[in-house]
Protein backbone atom coordinates (compact mmCIF):
# COMPACT_ATOMS: atom_id res chain seq x y z
CA UNK A 1 93.91 106.71 104.54
CA UNK A 2 91.58 107.15 107.37
CA UNK A 3 90.54 103.44 106.99
CA UNK A 4 93.96 102.26 107.97
CA UNK A 5 94.68 104.83 110.65
CA UNK A 6 91.37 104.55 112.41
CA UNK A 7 91.71 100.73 112.73
CA UNK A 8 95.31 101.00 114.41
CA UNK A 9 93.70 100.29 117.83
CA UNK A 10 91.97 97.17 116.64
CA UNK A 11 95.08 95.77 114.81
CA UNK A 12 97.39 96.82 117.61
CA UNK A 13 95.21 95.27 120.32
CA UNK A 14 95.41 91.81 118.63
CA UNK A 15 99.09 92.13 117.87
CA UNK A 16 100.23 93.33 121.25
CA UNK A 17 98.31 90.63 123.07
CA UNK A 18 101.53 88.77 122.67
CA UNK A 19 104.34 90.69 120.90
CA UNK A 20 106.69 87.84 121.11
CA UNK A 21 104.61 86.04 118.46
CA UNK A 22 103.25 88.96 116.47
CA UNK A 23 106.49 90.86 115.93
CA UNK A 24 108.38 87.79 114.32
CA UNK A 25 105.26 87.23 112.12
CA UNK A 26 105.37 90.74 110.91
CA UNK A 27 109.09 90.56 110.21
CA UNK A 28 108.65 87.28 108.26
CA UNK A 29 105.75 88.72 106.13
CA UNK A 30 107.87 91.79 105.42
CA UNK A 31 110.86 89.84 104.46
CA UNK A 32 108.98 87.45 102.15
CA UNK A 33 106.81 90.11 100.55
CA UNK A 34 109.49 92.73 100.01
CA UNK A 35 112.86 91.23 99.89
CA UNK A 36 112.17 87.75 98.53
CA UNK A 37 109.31 88.84 96.20
CA UNK A 38 111.47 88.36 93.00
CA UNK A 39 112.82 84.96 94.14
CA UNK A 40 111.48 82.15 91.85
CA UNK A 41 110.96 78.71 93.17
CA UNK A 42 111.15 75.70 90.81
CA UNK A 43 107.87 73.79 90.58
CA UNK A 44 108.46 70.03 90.95
CA UNK A 45 107.55 67.60 88.14
CA UNK A 46 107.30 70.30 85.55
CA UNK A 47 109.49 71.15 82.50
CA UNK A 48 110.02 74.67 81.04
CA UNK A 49 109.08 74.85 77.30
CA UNK A 50 111.58 77.68 76.74
CA UNK A 51 114.68 76.39 78.44
CA UNK A 52 116.07 73.42 80.15
CA UNK A 53 114.84 73.01 83.63
CA UNK A 54 111.55 73.29 85.54
CA UNK A 55 108.77 76.02 85.52
CA UNK A 56 109.33 78.57 88.32
CA UNK A 57 106.92 80.62 90.36
CA UNK A 58 107.17 83.63 92.57
CA UNK A 59 105.75 81.95 95.68
CA UNK A 60 106.94 84.63 98.18
CA UNK A 61 105.37 87.37 96.23
CA UNK A 62 101.92 85.64 96.07
CA UNK A 63 101.84 83.92 99.42
CA UNK A 64 103.79 85.95 101.98
CA UNK A 65 101.03 86.33 104.42
CA UNK A 66 99.87 82.62 104.27
CA UNK A 67 103.51 81.35 104.59
CA UNK A 68 104.32 83.78 107.42
CA UNK A 69 101.20 82.98 109.42
CA UNK A 70 101.56 79.28 108.99
CA UNK A 71 105.21 79.26 109.99
CA UNK A 72 104.57 81.27 113.22
CA UNK A 73 101.47 79.08 113.97
CA UNK A 74 103.57 76.06 113.94
CA UNK A 75 106.14 77.86 116.20
CA UNK A 76 103.33 79.01 118.47
CA UNK A 77 102.10 75.30 118.57
CA UNK A 78 105.48 74.04 119.60
CA UNK A 79 105.86 76.65 122.36
CA UNK A 80 102.34 75.61 123.56
CA UNK A 81 103.23 71.99 123.69
CA UNK A 82 106.28 72.95 125.77
CA UNK A 83 104.09 74.85 128.26
CA UNK A 84 105.85 78.11 127.56
CA UNK A 85 102.52 80.15 127.43
CA UNK A 86 100.58 80.86 130.53
CA UNK A 87 97.04 79.37 130.89
CA UNK A 88 95.13 82.21 129.15
CA UNK A 89 97.82 83.47 126.80
CA UNK A 90 96.12 84.68 123.53
CA UNK A 91 98.93 82.99 121.50
CA UNK A 92 97.63 79.64 122.43
CA UNK A 93 95.63 77.69 119.95
CA UNK A 94 92.08 77.02 121.08
CA UNK A 95 91.63 73.29 120.56
CA UNK A 96 88.43 73.35 122.47
CA UNK A 97 86.67 75.19 119.52
CA UNK A 98 87.82 72.32 117.15
CA UNK A 99 86.70 69.58 119.57
CA UNK A 100 83.25 71.06 120.34
CA UNK A 101 82.37 72.07 116.79
CA UNK A 102 80.22 69.89 114.58
CA UNK A 103 81.47 68.29 111.49
CA UNK A 104 78.55 69.44 109.26
CA UNK A 105 76.09 72.25 109.85
CA UNK A 106 73.73 73.73 107.25
CA UNK A 107 72.50 77.31 108.15
CA UNK A 108 68.99 77.98 107.61
CA UNK A 109 66.79 81.17 107.75
CA UNK A 110 65.54 82.35 111.19
CA UNK A 111 67.49 79.53 112.93
CA UNK A 112 67.54 81.80 116.10
CA UNK A 113 63.72 82.42 116.11
CA UNK A 114 61.55 85.23 114.83
CA UNK A 115 63.42 88.50 114.55
CA UNK A 116 62.64 91.27 117.11
CA UNK A 117 62.74 94.85 115.80
CA UNK A 118 63.42 97.85 118.08
CA UNK A 119 63.57 101.45 117.06
CA UNK A 120 66.77 102.09 119.01
CA UNK A 121 68.53 99.04 117.52
CA UNK A 122 67.40 100.01 113.99
CA UNK A 123 68.95 103.58 114.37
CA UNK A 124 72.17 102.02 115.83
CA UNK A 125 72.57 99.46 112.97
CA UNK A 126 71.57 102.08 110.40
CA UNK A 127 74.46 104.27 111.77
CA UNK A 128 76.82 101.29 111.52
CA UNK A 129 75.72 100.71 107.87
CA UNK A 130 76.46 104.40 106.97
CA UNK A 131 79.95 104.01 108.47
CA UNK A 132 80.31 100.79 106.50
CA UNK A 133 79.29 102.49 103.20
CA UNK A 134 81.95 105.11 103.80
CA UNK A 135 84.64 102.54 104.43
CA UNK A 136 83.51 100.49 101.45
CA UNK A 137 83.78 103.42 99.02
CA UNK A 138 87.30 104.02 100.34
CA UNK A 139 88.10 100.31 99.77
CA UNK A 140 86.79 100.51 96.21
CA UNK A 141 89.17 103.34 95.28
CA UNK A 142 92.03 101.66 97.15
CA UNK A 143 91.45 98.45 95.25
CA UNK A 144 91.45 100.25 92.02
CA UNK A 145 94.70 102.07 92.80
CA UNK A 146 96.32 98.74 93.79
CA UNK A 147 95.42 96.89 90.67
CA UNK A 148 96.10 99.76 88.34
CA UNK A 149 92.52 100.17 87.19
CA UNK A 150 90.65 103.43 86.74
CA UNK A 151 88.78 104.92 89.57
CA UNK A 152 85.32 103.18 90.11
CA UNK A 153 82.52 104.60 88.01
CA UNK A 154 79.51 105.85 89.83
CA UNK A 155 77.39 102.89 88.70
CA UNK A 156 80.15 100.54 90.04
CA UNK A 157 79.99 102.16 93.45
CA UNK A 158 76.27 102.04 93.46
CA UNK A 159 76.31 98.43 92.51
CA UNK A 160 78.84 97.55 95.27
CA UNK A 161 76.77 99.21 97.99
CA UNK A 162 73.61 97.53 96.60
CA UNK A 163 75.13 94.12 96.87
CA UNK A 164 76.40 94.79 100.30
CA UNK A 165 72.81 95.72 101.24
CA UNK A 166 71.46 92.54 99.81
CA UNK A 167 74.18 90.67 101.87
CA UNK A 168 73.15 92.46 105.04
CA UNK A 169 69.47 91.36 104.42
CA UNK A 170 70.48 87.75 103.92
CA UNK A 171 72.84 88.02 106.97
CA UNK A 172 69.89 89.21 109.15
CA UNK A 173 67.63 86.36 107.75
CA UNK A 174 70.27 83.74 108.49
CA UNK A 175 71.03 85.30 111.83
CA UNK A 176 74.78 85.68 111.52
CA UNK A 177 74.93 88.43 113.97
CA UNK A 178 76.78 90.90 111.72
CA UNK A 179 76.22 92.71 108.46
CA UNK A 180 78.14 92.31 105.18
CA UNK A 181 80.58 94.88 103.92
CA UNK A 182 83.92 95.12 102.27
CA UNK A 183 86.91 94.31 104.37
CA UNK A 184 89.99 96.58 104.51
CA UNK A 185 92.07 93.57 105.34
CA UNK A 186 91.34 92.00 102.00
CA UNK A 187 92.34 95.32 100.24
CA UNK A 188 95.61 95.27 102.04
CA UNK A 189 96.22 91.73 101.13
CA UNK A 190 96.12 92.71 97.48
CA UNK A 191 98.72 95.33 98.11
CA UNK A 192 101.10 92.85 99.89
CA UNK A 193 100.53 89.81 97.58
CA UNK A 194 100.16 91.74 94.30
CA UNK A 195 97.29 89.38 93.35
CA UNK A 196 94.26 91.36 92.22
CA UNK A 197 92.67 88.88 89.85
CA UNK A 198 88.84 88.65 89.98
CA UNK A 199 89.16 84.85 89.33
CA UNK A 200 90.94 84.53 92.67
CA UNK A 201 88.15 86.29 94.52
CA UNK A 202 85.41 84.33 92.65
CA UNK A 203 87.02 80.87 93.41
CA UNK A 204 87.61 82.04 97.02
CA UNK A 205 83.91 82.99 97.27
CA UNK A 206 82.74 79.61 95.99
CA UNK A 207 85.12 77.83 98.38
CA UNK A 208 83.83 79.75 101.32
CA UNK A 209 80.20 78.85 100.45
CA UNK A 210 81.03 75.16 100.28
CA UNK A 211 83.33 75.19 103.35
CA UNK A 212 80.67 77.02 105.34
CA UNK A 213 78.86 73.78 106.06
CA UNK A 214 81.94 72.09 107.48
CA UNK A 215 82.08 73.11 111.08
CA UNK A 216 85.54 71.76 111.79
CA UNK A 217 87.16 73.76 108.96
CA UNK A 218 85.52 76.92 110.21
CA UNK A 219 86.64 76.24 113.79
CA UNK A 220 90.14 75.64 112.41
CA UNK A 221 90.39 79.19 111.12
CA UNK A 222 88.75 80.53 114.37
CA UNK A 223 91.50 78.86 116.30
CA UNK A 224 94.24 80.99 114.83
CA UNK A 225 96.00 82.76 117.67
CA UNK A 226 95.15 86.43 118.14
CA UNK A 227 98.72 87.74 117.83
CA UNK A 228 99.24 86.20 114.39
CA UNK A 229 95.99 87.64 113.18
CA UNK A 230 96.93 90.94 114.64
CA UNK A 231 100.33 90.80 112.84
CA UNK A 232 98.51 90.21 109.49
CA UNK A 233 96.17 93.22 110.22
CA UNK A 234 99.09 95.52 111.04
CA UNK A 235 100.70 94.83 107.62
CA UNK A 236 97.40 95.04 105.80
CA UNK A 237 96.23 98.30 107.38
CA UNK A 238 99.64 99.84 106.60
CA UNK A 239 99.12 99.20 102.97
CA UNK A 240 95.57 100.70 103.16
CA UNK A 241 97.13 103.90 104.78
CA UNK A 242 99.86 104.06 102.17
CA UNK A 243 97.20 103.84 99.24
CA UNK A 244 95.28 106.57 100.89
CA UNK A 245 98.38 108.83 101.04
CA UNK A 246 98.95 108.15 97.40
CA UNK A 247 95.49 109.61 96.59
CA UNK A 248 96.85 112.95 97.78
CA UNK A 249 99.61 113.18 95.09
CA UNK A 250 97.51 115.55 93.03
CA UNK A 251 97.05 117.92 95.96
CA UNK A 252 99.58 120.79 96.44
CA UNK A 253 101.20 119.68 99.65
CA UNK A 254 103.31 122.91 99.75
CA UNK A 255 100.20 124.84 100.48
CA UNK A 256 99.67 125.70 104.13
CA UNK A 257 95.95 125.46 103.51
CA UNK A 258 96.02 121.96 102.38
CA UNK A 259 98.42 120.83 105.12
CA UNK A 260 96.03 122.30 107.71
CA UNK A 261 93.09 120.58 106.17
CA UNK A 262 94.79 117.20 105.98
CA UNK A 263 96.57 117.41 109.38
CA UNK A 264 93.59 118.66 111.36
CA UNK A 265 91.08 116.19 109.76
CA UNK A 266 93.30 113.20 110.53
CA UNK A 267 94.34 114.23 114.06
CA UNK A 268 91.04 115.55 115.16
CA UNK A 269 89.02 112.56 114.01
CA UNK A 270 91.49 110.13 115.64
CA UNK A 271 91.47 112.07 118.86
CA UNK A 272 87.71 112.45 119.15
CA UNK A 273 86.79 108.88 117.99
CA UNK A 274 89.31 107.38 120.48
CA UNK A 275 87.91 109.56 123.33
CA UNK A 276 84.31 108.51 122.53
CA UNK A 277 85.24 104.90 122.50
CA UNK A 278 86.95 105.31 125.93
CA UNK A 279 83.76 106.66 127.48
CA UNK A 280 81.30 104.20 129.02
CA UNK A 281 77.61 105.09 128.76
CA UNK A 282 78.35 108.39 127.05
CA UNK A 283 75.26 110.59 127.05
CA UNK A 284 75.27 113.25 124.16
CA UNK A 285 71.54 113.77 123.88
CA UNK A 286 68.51 112.66 125.98
CA UNK A 287 66.90 110.54 123.32
CA UNK A 288 68.24 106.98 123.55
CA UNK A 289 68.11 106.21 119.86
CA UNK A 290 69.67 109.53 118.74
CA UNK A 291 72.35 109.17 121.44
CA UNK A 292 73.23 105.71 120.16
CA UNK A 293 73.45 107.01 116.64
CA UNK A 294 75.62 109.83 117.48
CA UNK A 295 77.87 107.72 119.63
CA UNK A 296 78.57 105.32 116.77
CA UNK A 297 79.20 108.15 114.29
CA UNK A 298 81.52 109.99 116.56
CA UNK A 299 83.49 106.84 117.41
CA UNK A 300 83.99 106.07 113.67
CA UNK A 301 87.21 107.82 112.70
CA UNK A 302 86.65 107.22 108.97
CA UNK A 303 83.42 109.21 109.15
CA UNK A 304 84.86 111.98 111.31
CA UNK A 305 87.93 112.43 109.05
CA UNK A 306 85.82 112.51 105.89
CA UNK A 307 83.26 114.89 107.39
CA UNK A 308 85.71 117.22 108.87
CA UNK A 309 87.91 117.25 105.77
CA UNK A 310 84.77 117.80 103.55
CA UNK A 311 83.64 120.83 105.47
CA UNK A 312 87.14 122.44 105.69
CA UNK A 313 88.08 121.74 102.09
CA UNK A 314 84.85 123.21 100.82
CA UNK A 315 84.77 126.33 103.02
CA UNK A 316 88.41 127.37 103.22
CA UNK A 317 89.41 129.35 100.10
CA UNK A 318 91.54 127.65 97.64
CA UNK A 319 91.99 127.06 93.84
CA UNK A 320 91.00 123.89 92.00
CA UNK A 321 94.59 123.07 91.12
CA UNK A 322 95.67 123.62 94.75
CA UNK A 323 92.99 121.29 96.02
CA UNK A 324 93.92 118.64 93.35
CA UNK A 325 90.52 118.71 91.67
CA UNK A 326 91.87 119.31 88.16
CA UNK A 327 94.22 116.34 88.26
CA UNK A 328 91.49 114.14 89.87
CA UNK A 329 89.18 114.86 86.93
CA UNK A 330 91.89 114.46 84.40
CA UNK A 331 92.96 111.03 85.67
CA UNK A 332 89.72 109.65 87.02
CA UNK A 333 87.08 111.50 85.04
CA UNK A 334 83.50 112.34 86.34
CA UNK A 335 82.40 108.85 86.85
CA UNK A 336 79.78 109.12 83.99
CA UNK A 337 79.87 106.43 81.34
CA UNK A 338 80.80 107.51 77.79
CA UNK A 339 78.36 106.11 75.20
CA UNK A 340 80.05 103.33 73.23
CA UNK A 341 83.19 103.44 75.38
CA UNK A 342 82.27 102.06 78.78
CA UNK A 343 84.95 101.10 81.18
CA UNK A 344 85.40 97.30 80.74
CA UNK A 345 86.61 96.92 84.27
CA UNK A 346 83.18 97.79 85.73
CA UNK A 347 80.94 96.33 83.07
CA UNK A 348 78.59 93.59 83.94
CA UNK A 349 79.50 90.35 82.18
CA UNK A 350 77.36 89.11 79.24
CA UNK A 351 74.58 91.74 79.52
CA UNK A 352 76.19 95.11 79.24
CA UNK A 353 75.87 94.91 75.40
CA UNK A 354 72.14 94.58 75.65
CA UNK A 355 71.77 97.22 78.37
CA UNK A 356 73.21 99.83 76.05
CA UNK A 357 70.29 99.17 73.71
CA UNK A 358 67.60 100.01 76.39
CA UNK A 359 67.04 103.66 77.19
CA UNK A 360 65.37 102.95 80.50
CA UNK A 361 68.62 101.44 81.89
CA UNK A 362 70.08 104.84 82.09
CA UNK A 363 67.72 105.48 85.00
CA UNK A 364 68.85 102.48 86.97
CA UNK A 365 71.84 103.44 89.39
CA UNK A 366 73.41 100.03 89.31
CA UNK A 367 73.45 99.79 85.54
CA UNK A 368 76.66 100.34 83.56
CA UNK A 369 74.65 102.72 81.44
CA UNK A 370 73.54 104.83 84.32
CA UNK A 371 73.26 108.49 83.63
CA UNK A 372 72.87 110.58 86.79
CA UNK A 373 71.94 113.80 84.88
CA UNK A 374 68.53 112.23 84.07
CA UNK A 375 67.70 112.18 87.84
CA UNK A 376 69.22 115.69 88.28
CA UNK A 377 66.98 117.05 85.56
CA UNK A 378 63.95 115.31 86.97
CA UNK A 379 64.34 116.82 90.48
CA UNK A 380 65.83 120.21 89.24
CA UNK A 381 62.50 122.06 89.78
CA UNK A 382 62.26 120.66 93.36
CA UNK A 383 65.88 121.55 93.99
CA UNK A 384 65.25 125.13 92.63
CA UNK A 385 62.35 125.65 94.95
CA UNK A 386 64.21 124.32 97.93
CA UNK A 387 67.22 126.56 97.12
CA UNK A 388 64.96 129.61 96.89
CA UNK A 389 63.24 128.91 100.17
CA UNK A 390 66.63 128.45 101.99
CA UNK A 391 67.90 131.65 100.37
CA UNK A 392 64.82 133.61 101.56
CA UNK A 393 64.92 132.16 105.02
CA UNK A 394 68.59 133.18 105.37
CA UNK A 395 67.85 136.73 104.21
CA UNK A 396 64.96 136.97 106.68
CA UNK A 397 67.13 135.74 109.54
CA UNK A 398 70.00 138.21 108.80
CA UNK A 399 67.58 141.09 108.54
CA UNK A 400 66.31 140.33 112.05
């Protein structure tokens, strides 16, 4: 839920850069995806095997975002040709990007020179990565909800974060200027289009790799006007928020305790994060690296909402049923694999059968056979010592 709510400023800023373009785009996407989603369009040059006539396809259910954006982009281009927009209107298509871009360009490692590592920058990026991990875990659960799959198993979450880390390393080597993480916009697209097939994502990934060497095609997507992109983000983030609210269905919403935990966590995190973003050169602590890290964390609504909610939910008295823990475990389980009955949705293709035969794979966090209890037992003596030390320190402090 906080993923969608905390990004409202980003989506709203793009959309409100020209509401005369973004608002019709939103209306068209809503009409196509909600009111026309059951309308079947005949496919030309086809014949239905079951009845006379042609094969049909629910185009508006699968492609509402694409159709809405393309239609309004054409309208925006017509208005631009008629000189309706002012010189720097964000709704104008930037043809300079198309003209100046190269036809072919093959990225290569360290294309911008030898990387320079600074401690302050490392802490700043590390904080951003932590915030990205929090967002990604939320995206994983939201995707599972939208496609009707079980909640992600622990090994699946580990594997997702692991692959994102590999992507960030490769992004740094190739000098893309940004890391790699899951995108809430894509999760929202699944909710709008009702298309959650892995084949679509896999084919899309292959196409992106191939098209990345064609500069003109990349520039074409970059030239999409900001208000049209903002309209898509508004619809996508609204779906993310709705899925987050759906996760609360097991919580007793008639409980004053739960209402306070949810309401305060959401409102406080949005308030504090927006205030931190509005402050220029905010100085929280003297150390530059720590100040940068704290600024990034406090400006991330997802982190604040999760952190505050975690503290309140685990400190304010409440029963397991009241907190929704019983229903969560009943519906989603503990995230541990069941021997001989692994969840197919999160298995690795081709090799899961062999991994089940090897005992050592239970120690690997990204393996479908991962058993976290093995690590818990390994470090239990250290945990016991640490707990005892902390308990004795607390007794000593209170005695004084």
